[in-house]
C-alpha atoms as a PDB file:
ATOM      1  CA  UNK A   1     -21.883 -19.510  40.380  1.00  0.00           C
ATOM      2  CA  UNK A   2     -23.413 -17.634  37.484  1.00  0.00           C
ATOM      3  CA  UNK A   3     -23.239 -13.888  37.367  1.00  0.00           C
ATOM      4  CA  UNK A   4     -26.517 -12.321  36.330  1.00  0.00           C
ATOM      5  CA  UNK A   5     -26.640  -9.091  34.343  1.00  0.00           C
ATOM      6  CA  UNK A   6     -30.090  -7.769  35.092  1.00  0.00           C
ATOM      7  CA  UNK A   7     -31.803  -6.307  32.071  1.00  0.00           C
ATOM      8  CA  UNK A   8     -28.693  -6.286  29.863  1.00  0.00           C
ATOM      9  CA  UNK A   9     -28.114  -2.615  30.560  1.00  0.00           C
ATOM     10  CA  UNK A  10     -24.382  -2.560  31.257  1.00  0.00           C
ATOM     11  CA  UNK A  11     -23.502   0.229  28.831  1.00  0.00           C
ATOM     12  CA  UNK A  12     -26.475   2.326  29.860  1.00  0.00           C
ATOM     13  CA  UNK A  13     -25.689   1.837  33.521  1.00  0.00           C
ATOM     14  CA  UNK A  14     -22.176   3.161  33.136  1.00  0.00           C
ATOM     15  CA  UNK A  15     -23.449   6.100  31.114  1.00  0.00           C
ATOM     16  CA  UNK A  16     -26.042   7.000  33.728  1.00  0.00           C
ATOM     17  CA  UNK A  17     -23.832   6.484  36.766  1.00  0.00           C
ATOM     18  CA  UNK A  18     -20.967   8.426  35.274  1.00  0.00           C
ATOM     19  CA  UNK A  19     -23.058  11.421  34.293  1.00  0.00           C
ATOM     20  CA  UNK A  20     -23.345  14.498  36.478  1.00  0.00           C
ATOM     21  CA  UNK A  21     -26.203  16.883  36.096  1.00  0.00           C
ATOM     22  CA  UNK A  22     -25.350  20.504  35.492  1.00  0.00           C
ATOM     23  CA  UNK A  23     -28.646  21.720  36.953  1.00  0.00           C
ATOM     24  CA  UNK A  24     -29.866  21.022  40.460  1.00  0.00           C
ATOM     25  CA  UNK A  25     -32.593  18.477  40.961  1.00  0.00           C
ATOM     26  CA  UNK A  26     -35.862  19.863  42.271  1.00  0.00           C
ATOM     27  CA  UNK A  27     -37.682  18.877  45.457  1.00  0.00           C
ATOM     28  CA  UNK A  28     -41.233  17.757  44.747  1.00  0.00           C
ATOM     29  CA  UNK A  29     -40.301  16.762  41.210  1.00  0.00           C
ATOM     30  CA  UNK A  30     -37.135  14.672  41.321  1.00  0.00           C
ATOM     31  CA  UNK A  31     -37.333  13.711  44.988  1.00  0.00           C
ATOM     32  CA  UNK A  32     -39.604  14.109  48.015  1.00  0.00           C
ATOM     33  CA  UNK A  33     -38.613  15.863  51.222  1.00  0.00           C
ATOM     34  CA  UNK A  34     -39.636  13.830  54.277  1.00  0.00           C
ATOM     35  CA  UNK A  35     -41.708  15.860  56.736  1.00  0.00           C
ATOM     36  CA  UNK A  36     -40.316  14.097  59.802  1.00  0.00           C
ATOM     37  CA  UNK A  37     -36.734  12.998  59.083  1.00  0.00           C
ATOM     38  CA  UNK A  38     -35.615   9.692  60.547  1.00  0.00           C
ATOM     39  CA  UNK A  39     -32.478   8.809  62.462  1.00  0.00           C
ATOM     40  CA  UNK A  40     -29.624   7.167  60.583  1.00  0.00           C
ATOM     41  CA  UNK A  41     -28.255   3.791  61.654  1.00  0.00           C
ATOM     42  CA  UNK A  42     -24.632   4.950  61.780  1.00  0.00           C
ATOM     43  CA  UNK A  43     -24.212   8.486  63.144  1.00  0.00           C
ATOM     44  CA  UNK A  44     -21.681  10.530  61.202  1.00  0.00           C
ATOM     45  CA  UNK A  45     -22.287   8.697  57.926  1.00  0.00           C
ATOM     46  CA  UNK A  46     -24.683   9.663  55.139  1.00  0.00           C
ATOM     47  CA  UNK A  47     -27.286   6.919  54.919  1.00  0.00           C
ATOM     48  CA  UNK A  48     -28.744   5.580  51.687  1.00  0.00           C
ATOM     49  CA  UNK A  49     -31.508   3.034  52.302  1.00  0.00           C
ATOM     50  CA  UNK A  50     -33.179   1.153  49.445  1.00  0.00           C
ATOM     51  CA  UNK A  51     -36.662  -0.321  49.922  1.00  0.00           C
ATOM     52  CA  UNK A  52     -37.588  -3.089  47.461  1.00  0.00           C
ATOM     53  CA  UNK A  53     -39.680  -6.213  46.822  1.00  0.00           C
ATOM     54  CA  UNK A  54     -38.352  -9.171  44.845  1.00  0.00           C
ATOM     55  CA  UNK A  55     -41.541  -9.393  42.804  1.00  0.00           C
ATOM     56  CA  UNK A  56     -41.476  -5.727  41.781  1.00  0.00           C
ATOM     57  CA  UNK A  57     -40.541  -5.256  38.080  1.00  0.00           C
ATOM     58  CA  UNK A  58     -39.473  -1.668  38.746  1.00  0.00           C
ATOM     59  CA  UNK A  59     -37.117  -2.842  41.497  1.00  0.00           C
ATOM     60  CA  UNK A  60     -35.709  -5.415  39.071  1.00  0.00           C
ATOM     61  CA  UNK A  61     -35.037  -2.700  36.492  1.00  0.00           C
ATOM     62  CA  UNK A  62     -33.411  -0.438  39.073  1.00  0.00           C
ATOM     63  CA  UNK A  63     -31.172  -3.152  40.549  1.00  0.00           C
ATOM     64  CA  UNK A  64     -28.378  -3.004  37.896  1.00  0.00           C
ATOM     65  CA  UNK A  65     -27.991   0.733  38.467  1.00  0.00           C
ATOM     66  CA  UNK A  66     -27.825   0.235  42.219  1.00  0.00           C
ATOM     67  CA  UNK A  67     -25.284  -2.577  41.835  1.00  0.00           C
ATOM     68  CA  UNK A  68     -23.037  -0.344  39.717  1.00  0.00           C
ATOM     69  CA  UNK A  69     -23.459   2.533  42.163  1.00  0.00           C
ATOM     70  CA  UNK A  70     -22.479   0.269  45.062  1.00  0.00           C
ATOM     71  CA  UNK A  71     -19.163  -0.541  43.398  1.00  0.00           C
ATOM     72  CA  UNK A  72     -18.263   3.139  43.774  1.00  0.00           C
ATOM     73  CA  UNK A  73     -19.710   3.637  47.262  1.00  0.00           C
ATOM     74  CA  UNK A  74     -18.018   6.604  49.003  1.00  0.00           C
ATOM     75  CA  UNK A  75     -16.451   5.921  52.406  1.00  0.00           C
ATOM     76  CA  UNK A  76     -18.747   8.425  54.120  1.00  0.00           C
ATOM     77  CA  UNK A  77     -21.913   6.692  52.861  1.00  0.00           C
ATOM     78  CA  UNK A  78     -23.637   3.805  54.664  1.00  0.00           C
ATOM     79  CA  UNK A  79     -25.856   1.739  52.340  1.00  0.00           C
ATOM     80  CA  UNK A  80     -28.725  -0.329  53.731  1.00  0.00           C
ATOM     81  CA  UNK A  81     -31.144  -2.549  51.855  1.00  0.00           C
ATOM     82  CA  UNK A  82     -34.603  -2.935  53.396  1.00  0.00           C
ATOM     83  CA  UNK A  83     -37.144  -5.410  51.991  1.00  0.00           C
ATOM     84  CA  UNK A  84     -40.581  -3.807  52.046  1.00  0.00           C
ATOM     85  CA  UNK A  85     -43.248  -5.734  53.958  1.00  0.00           C
ATOM     86  CA  UNK A  86     -46.178  -3.401  53.363  1.00  0.00           C
ATOM     87  CA  UNK A  87     -48.629  -6.209  52.547  1.00  0.00           C
ATOM     88  CA  UNK A  88     -48.855  -9.980  53.140  1.00  0.00           C
ATOM     89  CA  UNK A  89     -47.307 -10.952  49.790  1.00  0.00           C
ATOM     90  CA  UNK A  90     -44.387  -8.555  50.135  1.00  0.00           C
ATOM     91  CA  UNK A  91     -43.878  -9.728  53.705  1.00  0.00           C
ATOM     92  CA  UNK A  92     -43.114 -13.256  52.479  1.00  0.00           C
ATOM     93  CA  UNK A  93     -40.215 -11.980  50.383  1.00  0.00           C
ATOM     94  CA  UNK A  94     -39.030  -9.724  53.185  1.00  0.00           C
ATOM     95  CA  UNK A  95     -38.943 -12.626  55.626  1.00  0.00           C
ATOM     96  CA  UNK A  96     -36.965 -14.686  53.119  1.00  0.00           C
ATOM     97  CA  UNK A  97     -34.480 -11.840  52.675  1.00  0.00           C
ATOM     98  CA  UNK A  98     -33.908 -11.561  56.420  1.00  0.00           C
ATOM     99  CA  UNK A  99     -33.541 -15.344  56.751  1.00  0.00           C
ATOM    100  CA  UNK A 100     -30.955 -15.354  53.962  1.00  0.00           C
ATOM    101  CA  UNK A 101     -29.143 -12.520  55.720  1.00  0.00           C
ATOM    102  CA  UNK A 102     -29.175 -14.357  59.057  1.00  0.00           C
ATOM    103  CA  UNK A 103     -27.835 -17.529  57.430  1.00  0.00           C
ATOM    104  CA  UNK A 104     -25.087 -15.698  55.556  1.00  0.00           C
ATOM    105  CA  UNK A 105     -26.303 -16.476  52.016  1.00  0.00           C
ATOM    106  CA  UNK A 106     -27.826 -13.118  51.085  1.00  0.00           C
ATOM    107  CA  UNK A 107     -24.958 -12.005  48.852  1.00  0.00           C
ATOM    108  CA  UNK A 108     -25.106 -15.095  46.679  1.00  0.00           C
ATOM    109  CA  UNK A 109     -28.914 -15.321  46.519  1.00  0.00           C
ATOM    110  CA  UNK A 110     -30.059 -11.699  46.135  1.00  0.00           C
ATOM    111  CA  UNK A 111     -29.532 -11.313  42.376  1.00  0.00           C
ATOM    112  CA  UNK A 112     -30.407 -14.917  41.482  1.00  0.00           C
ATOM    113  CA  UNK A 113     -33.814 -14.577  43.178  1.00  0.00           C
ATOM    114  CA  UNK A 114     -34.561 -11.424  41.192  1.00  0.00           C
ATOM    115  CA  UNK A 115     -33.435 -13.256  38.049  1.00  0.00           C
ATOM    116  CA  UNK A 116     -35.522 -16.364  38.752  1.00  0.00           C
ATOM    117  CA  UNK A 117     -38.692 -14.325  39.212  1.00  0.00           C
ATOM    118  CA  UNK A 118     -38.339 -11.816  36.384  1.00  0.00           C
ATOM    119  CA  UNK A 119     -36.153 -13.482  33.744  1.00  0.00           C
ATOM    120  CA  UNK A 120     -37.331 -17.056  34.270  1.00  0.00           C
ATOM    121  CA  UNK A 121     -40.926 -16.221  35.272  1.00  0.00           C
ATOM    122  CA  UNK A 122     -40.794 -18.414  38.364  1.00  0.00           C
ATOM    123  CA  UNK A 123     -43.555 -17.861  40.920  1.00  0.00           C
ATOM    124  CA  UNK A 124     -41.457 -17.582  44.092  1.00  0.00           C
ATOM    125  CA  UNK A 125     -43.708 -15.561  46.348  1.00  0.00           C
ATOM    126  CA  UNK A 126     -44.733 -17.748  49.293  1.00  0.00           C
ATOM    127  CA  UNK A 127     -42.897 -19.558  52.065  1.00  0.00           C
ATOM    128  CA  UNK A 128     -42.943 -22.966  50.364  1.00  0.00           C
ATOM    129  CA  UNK A 129     -41.550 -21.761  47.022  1.00  0.00           C
ATOM    130  CA  UNK A 130     -39.004 -19.525  48.739  1.00  0.00           C
ATOM    131  CA  UNK A 131     -37.791 -22.425  50.904  1.00  0.00           C
ATOM    132  CA  UNK A 132     -37.279 -24.562  47.798  1.00  0.00           C
ATOM    133  CA  UNK A 133     -35.346 -21.734  46.115  1.00  0.00           C
ATOM    134  CA  UNK A 134     -32.910 -21.373  49.028  1.00  0.00           C
ATOM    135  CA  UNK A 135     -32.327 -25.131  49.179  1.00  0.00           C
ATOM    136  CA  UNK A 136     -30.391 -24.649  45.925  1.00  0.00           C
ATOM    137  CA  UNK A 137     -27.959 -22.440  47.846  1.00  0.00           C
ATOM    138  CA  UNK A 138     -27.272 -24.834  50.702  1.00  0.00           C
ATOM    139  CA  UNK A 139     -30.043 -23.786  53.088  1.00  0.00           C
ATOM    140  CA  UNK A 140     -31.845 -26.809  54.582  1.00  0.00           C
ATOM    141  CA  UNK A 141     -35.590 -26.479  54.040  1.00  0.00           C
ATOM    142  CA  UNK A 142     -36.322 -27.271  57.688  1.00  0.00           C
ATOM    143  CA  UNK A 143     -33.856 -24.595  58.838  1.00  0.00           C
ATOM    144  CA  UNK A 144     -35.397 -22.006  56.516  1.00  0.00           C
ATOM    145  CA  UNK A 145     -38.926 -22.804  57.701  1.00  0.00           C
ATOM    146  CA  UNK A 146     -37.969 -22.741  61.373  1.00  0.00           C
ATOM    147  CA  UNK A 147     -36.533 -19.245  61.004  1.00  0.00           C
ATOM    148  CA  UNK A 148     -39.166 -17.838  58.641  1.00  0.00           C
ATOM    149  CA  UNK A 149     -41.679 -16.871  61.349  1.00  0.00           C
ATOM    150  CA  UNK A 150     -39.211 -16.660  64.227  1.00  0.00           C
ATOM    151  CA  UNK A 151     -39.157 -13.745  66.647  1.00  0.00           C
ATOM    152  CA  UNK A 152     -35.919 -12.169  65.295  1.00  0.00           C
ATOM    153  CA  UNK A 153     -37.245 -12.179  61.729  1.00  0.00           C
ATOM    154  CA  UNK A 154     -40.654 -10.859  62.821  1.00  0.00           C
ATOM    155  CA  UNK A 155     -38.893  -8.037  64.692  1.00  0.00           C
ATOM    156  CA  UNK A 156     -37.095  -7.048  61.499  1.00  0.00           C
ATOM    157  CA  UNK A 157     -40.409  -7.072  59.603  1.00  0.00           C
ATOM    158  CA  UNK A 158     -41.853  -4.717  62.214  1.00  0.00           C
ATOM    159  CA  UNK A 159     -38.850  -2.420  61.849  1.00  0.00           C
ATOM    160  CA  UNK A 160     -39.225  -2.405  58.048  1.00  0.00           C
ATOM    161  CA  UNK A 161     -42.883  -1.436  58.323  1.00  0.00           C
ATOM    162  CA  UNK A 162     -42.146   1.225  60.926  1.00  0.00           C
ATOM    163  CA  UNK A 163     -39.583   2.833  58.616  1.00  0.00           C
ATOM    164  CA  UNK A 164     -41.912   2.623  55.602  1.00  0.00           C
ATOM    165  CA  UNK A 165     -44.617   4.396  57.588  1.00  0.00           C
ATOM    166  CA  UNK A 166     -42.207   7.000  58.899  1.00  0.00           C
ATOM    167  CA  UNK A 167     -41.041   7.798  55.388  1.00  0.00           C
ATOM    168  CA  UNK A 168     -44.657   7.665  54.116  1.00  0.00           C
ATOM    169  CA  UNK A 169     -43.794   5.194  51.382  1.00  0.00           C
ATOM    170  CA  UNK A 170     -46.594   4.178  49.046  1.00  0.00           C
ATOM    171  CA  UNK A 171     -44.591   1.816  46.858  1.00  0.00           C
ATOM    172  CA  UNK A 172     -41.195   0.514  45.806  1.00  0.00           C
ATOM    173  CA  UNK A 173     -38.506   0.942  44.737  1.00  0.00           C
ATOM    174  CA  UNK A 174     -37.814   3.845  47.049  1.00  0.00           C
ATOM    175  CA  UNK A 175     -34.377   5.099  48.040  1.00  0.00           C
ATOM    176  CA  UNK A 176     -34.217   7.177  51.216  1.00  0.00           C
ATOM    177  CA  UNK A 177     -31.211   9.475  51.587  1.00  0.00           C
ATOM    178  CA  UNK A 178     -30.095  10.312  55.129  1.00  0.00           C
ATOM    179  CA  UNK A 179     -33.616   9.896  56.468  1.00  0.00           C
ATOM    180  CA  UNK A 180     -34.594  13.154  54.755  1.00  0.00           C
ATOM    181  CA  UNK A 181     -35.361  12.501  51.094  1.00  0.00           C
ATOM    182  CA  UNK A 182     -37.153   9.825  49.054  1.00  0.00           C
ATOM    183  CA  UNK A 183     -36.099   9.088  45.475  1.00  0.00           C
ATOM    184  CA  UNK A 184     -38.293   6.869  43.293  1.00  0.00           C
ATOM    185  CA  UNK A 185     -37.845   5.491  39.801  1.00  0.00           C
ATOM    186  CA  UNK A 186     -36.446   2.532  37.906  1.00  0.00           C
ATOM    187  CA  UNK A 187     -33.561   3.931  35.861  1.00  0.00           C
ATOM    188  CA  UNK A 188     -30.217   5.670  36.106  1.00  0.00           C
ATOM    189  CA  UNK A 189     -31.765   8.959  37.097  1.00  0.00           C
ATOM    190  CA  UNK A 190     -32.331   7.492  40.555  1.00  0.00           C
ATOM    191  CA  UNK A 191     -28.607   7.166  41.243  1.00  0.00           C
ATOM    192  CA  UNK A 192     -28.012  10.629  39.818  1.00  0.00           C
ATOM    193  CA  UNK A 193     -30.502  12.120  42.258  1.00  0.00           C
ATOM    194  CA  UNK A 194     -29.100  10.013  45.105  1.00  0.00           C
ATOM    195  CA  UNK A 195     -25.581  11.277  44.328  1.00  0.00           C
ATOM    196  CA  UNK A 196     -26.902  14.837  44.236  1.00  0.00           C
ATOM    197  CA  UNK A 197     -28.563  14.462  47.639  1.00  0.00           C
ATOM    198  CA  UNK A 198     -25.508  12.764  49.136  1.00  0.00           C
ATOM    199  CA  UNK A 199     -23.421  15.716  47.995  1.00  0.00           C
ATOM    200  CA  UNK A 200     -26.044  18.074  49.405  1.00  0.00           C
ATOM    201  CA  UNK A 201     -25.803  16.357  52.799  1.00  0.00           C
ATOM    202  CA  UNK A 202     -22.019  16.260  52.618  1.00  0.00           C
ATOM    203  CA  UNK A 203     -21.888  19.997  51.944  1.00  0.00           C
ATOM    204  CA  UNK A 204     -24.278  20.698  54.834  1.00  0.00           C
ATOM    205  CA  UNK A 205     -21.827  19.054  57.247  1.00  0.00           C
ATOM    206  CA  UNK A 206     -19.035  21.443  56.370  1.00  0.00           C
END
């Protein structure tokens, strides 16, 4: 299995993720405060939830920073990835993500799908093209198609949309911290702000 380095930003990623800001980040400028905070999935842990779409170039640029950040995930933080399904095109990718998750192939297909779309310019945006992509990772096309519009997957799509509406998201990528703050961007500043807000929530618990 090939390992994909998205964007060739390894050195920059480490520089960004290892940097701490001396000054506080500012609400309304560096992040948005959610008017009606949402509940976290795991009580007692600080939640970081990333909304994305495979076809989004900004999400593709952010992904290496998120991958590096995940390697240093604190024990008191629960990370969740949520595919946005805010329109019909995005919904196709979201359904594919949830199918891959249900079939246990998400970890080995997540980065390759990003890579195929953005580095190889493959048009993998509808059910047929997505099914063919997952065949390469051992998923029978018939199995993929039978699950694509199934009730469990549709329920997850509804949950994704409910969360996006609750957090008043207008686009992706968007990283929601503890159901209270939304951070948007495509570079290392995103993880800096996320780390700042995680620390802010951690301090509030004490």
